[in-house]
């Protein structure tokens, strides 16, 4: 039975904790983008957040919520990259040890950044090992606290502060579109938005190969899929979280999917027309809007959470100059 809950007050508390710590990231607008999408879009650029992604918000809020004595024993997390960096930096700011379980195929840029923030990295094979089990065992052995990547009210509340800032900056939004992995960002965004205006529609975007959330909403239960093969490494989840699925069923208007080619096109557009670097996962909402995948948003005022921009330069160049399936 679900016992965790997330309320608008939790997001307000997270915003107070993050004040002066997290960057207040800019909101960008492009008339060219509006014309392509046939909507008025406002991009909340979490690719310019500390560690290059929104994940810092949830990680810091989680650590800040721990009793000092508990936090001092250290933290453990599992992640392919952005959550890893977020936990590593938050732990460094609090002066506590962090151990991160990362797949051997994690992007080198994200691995090096995690190590650079002072965390210990424990590698695992994504296809044959269970990262949750490895991390839970490490936490138990070390007396440390496990920091989940998305299925926790403190993580989702921190993530929701990005939408709170967006809504403070831009009036009259009809909808907000977010990328969907485990659903922490989508959940926090939904609670933040509906705490201000219940009429704001929330939509999520997944890679076509990793549509576990869309399948789950159609089935009315949490569906588990194999590890998806997609360039969007931050969205390679295999099932929604318990908390995030419950929130999505109540607050989310729908979830659509985009192909890897469409992610590349969105990354290229952002670079050429808006001069910003977006990683594949962060490009998912933009890709859906450029492809008119959510037709009910035509002519509307739409917020877009650009979740991150961490990508190796060589890989980035390869993706934005190729139109073939990657």
Protein backbone atom coordinates (compact mmCIF):
# COMPACT_ATOMS: atom_id res chain seq x y z
CA UNK A 1 0.00 0.00 0.00
CA UNK A 2 1.28 3.45 -0.90
CA UNK A 3 2.22 5.40 2.21
CA UNK A 4 4.36 8.18 0.75
CA UNK A 5 2.69 11.39 -0.30
CA UNK A 6 3.72 14.63 -1.95
CA UNK A 7 2.05 17.96 -1.23
CA UNK A 8 2.51 21.48 -2.55
CA UNK A 9 3.92 22.49 0.83
CA UNK A 10 6.73 19.97 0.37
CA UNK A 11 7.78 21.77 -2.80
CA UNK A 12 7.64 25.15 -1.06
CA UNK A 13 9.87 23.75 1.71
CA UNK A 14 12.28 22.37 -0.88
CA UNK A 15 12.42 25.78 -2.55
CA UNK A 16 13.41 27.36 0.77
CA UNK A 17 16.18 24.80 1.26
CA UNK A 18 17.48 25.34 -2.26
CA UNK A 19 17.38 29.15 -2.13
CA UNK A 20 20.89 30.44 -2.72
CA UNK A 21 22.14 26.88 -3.36
CA UNK A 22 20.56 25.85 -6.67
CA UNK A 23 20.79 28.11 -9.69
CA UNK A 24 17.62 30.01 -10.59
CA UNK A 25 17.83 28.86 -14.21
CA UNK A 26 16.64 31.05 -17.09
CA UNK A 27 13.47 30.69 -19.13
CA UNK A 28 14.06 31.04 -22.87
CA UNK A 29 11.64 31.85 -25.67
CA UNK A 30 12.08 31.63 -29.44
CA UNK A 31 9.67 32.96 -32.08
CA UNK A 32 11.12 30.46 -34.55
CA UNK A 33 10.35 27.62 -32.15
CA UNK A 34 6.83 28.94 -31.64
CA UNK A 35 6.25 28.92 -35.38
CA UNK A 36 7.55 25.36 -35.72
CA UNK A 37 5.52 24.08 -32.78
CA UNK A 38 2.42 26.19 -33.45
CA UNK A 39 2.37 27.13 -29.78
CA UNK A 40 4.01 29.68 -27.48
CA UNK A 41 6.78 27.82 -25.66
CA UNK A 42 8.81 28.78 -22.62
CA UNK A 43 11.89 26.63 -21.97
CA UNK A 44 13.01 26.27 -18.34
CA UNK A 45 16.70 25.56 -18.87
CA UNK A 46 17.78 23.07 -16.23
CA UNK A 47 20.67 22.19 -18.53
CA UNK A 48 22.19 25.31 -16.92
CA UNK A 49 21.57 24.06 -13.37
CA UNK A 50 24.44 23.01 -11.09
CA UNK A 51 25.81 19.66 -12.34
CA UNK A 52 24.05 20.44 -15.64
CA UNK A 53 20.68 18.93 -14.73
CA UNK A 54 17.60 19.30 -12.54
CA UNK A 55 18.68 16.26 -10.51
CA UNK A 56 20.71 18.46 -8.18
CA UNK A 57 17.48 19.91 -6.80
CA UNK A 58 16.09 16.61 -5.54
CA UNK A 59 19.41 15.28 -4.30
CA UNK A 60 20.14 18.37 -2.24
CA UNK A 61 16.62 18.51 -0.84
CA UNK A 62 16.85 14.85 0.19
CA UNK A 63 20.16 15.30 1.99
CA UNK A 64 18.98 18.53 3.62
CA UNK A 65 15.97 16.69 5.04
CA UNK A 66 18.12 14.07 6.82
CA UNK A 67 18.98 14.46 10.52
CA UNK A 68 22.56 15.63 10.80
CA UNK A 69 23.75 12.46 12.52
CA UNK A 70 22.19 10.26 9.86
CA UNK A 71 23.58 12.39 7.04
CA UNK A 72 27.09 12.26 8.53
CA UNK A 73 27.21 8.48 7.99
CA UNK A 74 27.14 9.07 4.26
CA UNK A 75 24.85 8.34 1.32
CA UNK A 76 24.61 5.76 -1.45
CA UNK A 77 22.85 6.17 -4.80
CA UNK A 78 22.49 4.36 -8.12
CA UNK A 79 22.39 6.24 -11.40
CA UNK A 80 23.54 6.37 -15.01
CA UNK A 81 24.73 9.91 -14.54
CA UNK A 82 22.73 12.97 -13.57
CA UNK A 83 21.37 11.69 -10.26
CA UNK A 84 24.89 10.44 -9.56
CA UNK A 85 26.32 13.91 -10.05
CA UNK A 86 23.53 15.53 -8.06
CA UNK A 87 24.07 13.28 -5.05
CA UNK A 88 27.85 13.59 -5.31
CA UNK A 89 27.74 17.41 -5.31
CA UNK A 90 25.10 17.60 -2.57
CA UNK A 91 27.20 15.26 -0.41
CA UNK A 92 30.29 17.40 -0.99
CA UNK A 93 28.40 20.54 0.00
CA UNK A 94 27.33 18.86 3.23
CA UNK A 95 30.79 17.37 3.80
CA UNK A 96 29.63 13.75 3.87
CA UNK A 97 30.84 10.69 1.91
CA UNK A 98 28.93 9.51 -1.18
CA UNK A 99 29.08 6.16 -2.97
CA UNK A 100 27.45 5.89 -6.39
CA UNK A 101 26.59 2.67 -8.21
CA UNK A 102 26.94 3.42 -11.94
CA UNK A 103 26.60 1.19 -15.04
CA UNK A 104 29.76 0.40 -16.96
CA UNK A 105 28.19 2.02 -20.03
CA UNK A 106 27.48 5.33 -18.27
CA UNK A 107 28.55 8.36 -20.33
CA UNK A 108 32.20 9.15 -19.61
CA UNK A 109 31.42 12.82 -19.02
CA UNK A 110 28.94 11.93 -16.26
CA UNK A 111 31.27 9.38 -14.70
CA UNK A 112 34.18 11.82 -14.61
CA UNK A 113 32.01 14.57 -13.14
CA UNK A 114 30.74 12.23 -10.40
CA UNK A 115 34.30 11.31 -9.49
CA UNK A 116 35.27 14.97 -9.68
CA UNK A 117 32.72 15.85 -7.01
CA UNK A 118 34.50 13.42 -4.71
CA UNK A 119 32.20 10.40 -4.81
CA UNK A 120 33.31 6.79 -4.83
CA UNK A 121 31.95 4.98 -7.91
CA UNK A 122 31.05 1.28 -7.86
CA UNK A 123 30.53 -0.04 -11.43
CA UNK A 124 27.99 -2.68 -12.48
CA UNK A 125 26.79 -4.35 -15.68
CA UNK A 126 23.42 -2.88 -16.61
CA UNK A 127 22.18 -5.99 -18.44
CA UNK A 128 23.16 -8.60 -15.85
CA UNK A 129 23.17 -6.92 -12.43
CA UNK A 130 20.57 -5.27 -10.23
CA UNK A 131 21.72 -1.80 -9.27
CA UNK A 132 19.11 -1.38 -6.54
CA UNK A 133 20.30 -4.53 -4.81
CA UNK A 134 23.96 -3.53 -5.04
CA UNK A 135 23.24 -0.07 -3.66
CA UNK A 136 21.01 -1.38 -0.86
CA UNK A 137 23.69 -3.83 0.23
CA UNK A 138 26.35 -1.12 0.24
CA UNK A 139 24.15 1.19 2.28
CA UNK A 140 23.45 -1.54 4.82
CA UNK A 141 27.14 -2.47 5.11
CA UNK A 142 28.22 1.13 5.63
CA UNK A 143 25.33 2.40 7.71
CA UNK A 144 24.68 4.95 4.97
CA UNK A 145 21.38 6.30 3.62
CA UNK A 146 20.16 5.19 0.22
CA UNK A 147 19.14 8.15 -1.97
CA UNK A 148 16.58 6.92 -4.54
CA UNK A 149 16.65 8.47 -8.02
CA UNK A 150 12.94 9.33 -8.29
CA UNK A 151 10.49 7.35 -6.17
CA UNK A 152 10.67 9.49 -3.05
CA UNK A 153 8.69 12.54 -1.98
CA UNK A 154 11.83 14.51 -1.08
CA UNK A 155 13.40 13.84 -4.49
CA UNK A 156 10.19 14.73 -6.33
CA UNK A 157 9.67 17.85 -4.21
CA UNK A 158 13.13 19.11 -5.08
CA UNK A 159 12.51 18.41 -8.76
CA UNK A 160 9.21 20.30 -8.55
CA UNK A 161 10.97 23.52 -7.61
CA UNK A 162 11.97 23.97 -11.27
CA UNK A 163 8.28 24.18 -12.23
CA UNK A 164 7.62 26.47 -9.29
CA UNK A 165 10.25 28.89 -10.62
CA UNK A 166 8.83 28.60 -14.14
CA UNK A 167 5.34 29.48 -12.95
CA UNK A 168 6.67 32.42 -10.93
CA UNK A 169 8.38 33.75 -14.06
CA UNK A 170 5.66 33.11 -16.67
CA UNK A 171 1.97 33.82 -16.17
CA UNK A 172 -0.94 32.07 -17.84
CA UNK A 173 0.57 28.73 -18.83
CA UNK A 174 -1.92 26.25 -20.24
CA UNK A 175 0.38 23.26 -19.90
CA UNK A 176 3.84 22.03 -18.91
CA UNK A 177 5.65 19.24 -20.77
CA UNK A 178 8.44 17.24 -19.14
CA UNK A 179 10.69 14.29 -19.96
CA UNK A 180 9.78 11.05 -18.18
CA UNK A 181 12.14 8.45 -16.78
CA UNK A 182 11.03 7.22 -13.38
CA UNK A 183 8.60 10.10 -13.05
CA UNK A 184 10.13 12.20 -10.26
CA UNK A 185 10.32 15.36 -12.35
CA UNK A 186 6.85 14.82 -13.78
CA UNK A 187 5.39 14.21 -10.31
CA UNK A 188 7.02 17.24 -8.74
CA UNK A 189 6.01 19.37 -11.72
CA UNK A 190 2.39 18.21 -11.48
CA UNK A 191 2.08 18.91 -7.76
CA UNK A 192 3.79 22.30 -8.11
CA UNK A 193 1.60 23.33 -11.05
CA UNK A 194 -1.67 22.11 -9.59
CA UNK A 195 -0.85 23.73 -6.28
CA UNK A 196 -0.98 27.02 -8.17
CA UNK A 197 -3.57 26.33 -10.88
CA UNK A 198 -5.42 23.03 -11.19
CA UNK A 199 -6.23 23.79 -14.84
CA UNK A 200 -2.61 23.54 -16.02
CA UNK A 201 -2.28 20.35 -18.07
CA UNK A 202 0.78 18.14 -17.48
CA UNK A 203 2.22 15.94 -20.22
CA UNK A 204 5.18 13.59 -20.17
CA UNK A 205 7.45 12.43 -22.99
CA UNK A 206 9.32 9.12 -23.13
CA UNK A 207 11.59 7.55 -25.75
CA UNK A 208 9.69 5.14 -28.00
CA UNK A 209 11.90 2.27 -26.89
CA UNK A 210 11.31 3.01 -23.21
CA UNK A 211 7.58 3.59 -22.86
CA UNK A 212 7.09 1.88 -19.49
CA UNK A 213 5.13 4.82 -18.07
CA UNK A 214 2.81 5.07 -21.08
CA UNK A 215 2.20 1.32 -20.99
CA UNK A 216 1.53 1.48 -17.26
CA UNK A 217 -1.05 4.25 -17.56
CA UNK A 218 -2.84 2.35 -20.32
CA UNK A 219 -2.86 -0.83 -18.24
CA UNK A 220 -3.84 0.90 -15.01
CA UNK A 221 -0.94 -0.76 -13.21
CA UNK A 222 2.85 -0.50 -13.11
CA UNK A 223 4.36 -2.35 -16.07
CA UNK A 224 7.99 -3.48 -16.19
CA UNK A 225 9.89 -3.57 -19.48
CA UNK A 226 13.46 -4.66 -20.41
CA UNK A 227 16.20 -2.03 -20.22
CA UNK A 228 15.35 0.19 -23.23
CA UNK A 229 17.86 0.77 -26.01
CA UNK A 230 17.79 4.52 -26.58
CA UNK A 231 20.22 7.42 -26.78
CA UNK A 232 18.30 9.01 -23.89
CA UNK A 233 20.37 7.38 -21.13
CA UNK A 234 18.60 9.36 -18.42
CA UNK A 235 15.25 7.87 -19.45
CA UNK A 236 16.31 4.20 -19.49
CA UNK A 237 14.01 3.19 -16.66
CA UNK A 238 12.20 -0.13 -16.70
CA UNK A 239 9.13 0.70 -14.58
CA UNK A 240 7.44 3.72 -12.97
CA UNK A 241 7.89 4.34 -9.29
CA UNK A 242 5.07 3.56 -6.88
CA UNK A 243 4.73 7.17 -5.75
CA UNK A 244 5.26 8.67 -9.19
CA UNK A 245 2.75 6.34 -10.84
CA UNK A 246 0.08 7.21 -8.28
CA UNK A 247 0.63 10.93 -8.87
CA UNK A 248 0.62 10.50 -12.64
CA UNK A 249 -2.71 8.68 -12.62
CA UNK A 250 -4.29 11.60 -10.79
CA UNK A 251 -2.51 14.62 -12.25
CA UNK A 252 -1.05 13.85 -15.70
CA UNK A 253 -3.02 14.43 -18.89
CA UNK A 254 -1.05 11.97 -20.98
CA UNK A 255 2.32 10.60 -22.04
CA UNK A 256 3.61 10.50 -25.60
CA UNK A 257 6.75 9.01 -27.12
CA UNK A 258 9.47 10.20 -29.49
CA UNK A 259 12.09 8.35 -31.52
CA UNK A 260 15.83 8.71 -31.17
CA UNK A 261 15.91 10.48 -34.55
CA UNK A 262 13.40 13.00 -33.25
CA UNK A 263 15.51 13.56 -30.15
CA UNK A 264 18.49 14.32 -32.40
CA UNK A 265 16.41 16.77 -34.44
CA UNK A 266 15.33 18.58 -31.26
CA UNK A 267 18.93 18.77 -30.01
CA UNK A 268 20.00 20.18 -33.35
CA UNK A 269 17.21 22.76 -33.34
CA UNK A 270 18.11 23.89 -29.82
CA UNK A 271 21.74 24.32 -30.84
CA UNK A 272 21.16 26.04 -34.17
CA UNK A 273 18.27 28.33 -33.22
CA UNK A 274 18.59 28.85 -29.47
CA UNK A 275 22.32 28.29 -28.92
CA UNK A 276 21.82 25.84 -26.06
CA UNK A 277 23.21 22.33 -25.57
CA UNK A 278 20.66 19.72 -24.52
CA UNK A 279 21.33 16.05 -23.85
CA UNK A 280 18.97 13.50 -25.47
CA UNK A 281 16.86 13.00 -22.34
CA UNK A 282 16.39 16.73 -21.89
CA UNK A 283 15.34 17.12 -25.51
CA UNK A 284 12.32 14.80 -25.22
CA UNK A 285 9.64 17.47 -24.55
CA UNK A 286 11.00 19.72 -27.27
CA UNK A 287 11.02 16.81 -29.71
CA UNK A 288 7.38 16.01 -28.97
CA UNK A 289 6.32 19.62 -29.48
CA UNK A 290 8.29 20.03 -32.69
CA UNK A 291 6.59 16.88 -34.00
CA UNK A 292 3.13 18.09 -32.89
CA UNK A 293 2.83 14.90 -30.85
CA UNK A 294 0.44 16.62 -28.40
CA UNK A 295 -2.11 18.24 -30.75
CA UNK A 296 -4.27 19.68 -27.97
CA UNK A 297 -1.44 22.12 -27.20
CA UNK A 298 -1.59 23.82 -30.60
CA UNK A 299 -1.99 27.56 -30.02
CA UNK A 300 -1.45 27.24 -26.26
CA UNK A 301 1.08 28.73 -23.84
CA UNK A 302 3.32 25.85 -22.85
CA UNK A 303 6.14 25.48 -20.36
CA UNK A 304 8.91 23.03 -21.25
CA UNK A 305 11.29 21.59 -18.66
CA UNK A 306 14.67 21.07 -20.35
CA UNK A 307 15.99 18.60 -17.80
CA UNK A 308 19.71 18.47 -18.59
CA UNK A 309 22.63 19.14 -20.87
CA UNK A 310 25.31 16.63 -19.90
CA UNK A 311 26.74 14.97 -22.97
CA UNK A 312 30.23 14.23 -24.26
CA UNK A 313 31.21 16.78 -26.95
CA UNK A 314 32.15 14.15 -29.51
CA UNK A 315 28.93 12.23 -28.95
CA UNK A 316 26.94 15.46 -29.13
CA UNK A 317 28.50 16.35 -32.47
CA UNK A 318 27.74 12.87 -33.78
CA UNK A 319 24.09 13.07 -32.79
CA UNK A 320 23.27 16.54 -34.07
CA UNK A 321 24.92 15.92 -37.45
CA UNK A 322 23.23 12.56 -38.09
CA UNK A 323 19.64 12.05 -39.20
CA UNK A 324 19.83 8.27 -39.27
CA UNK A 325 18.75 6.02 -36.42
CA UNK A 326 21.47 6.03 -33.78
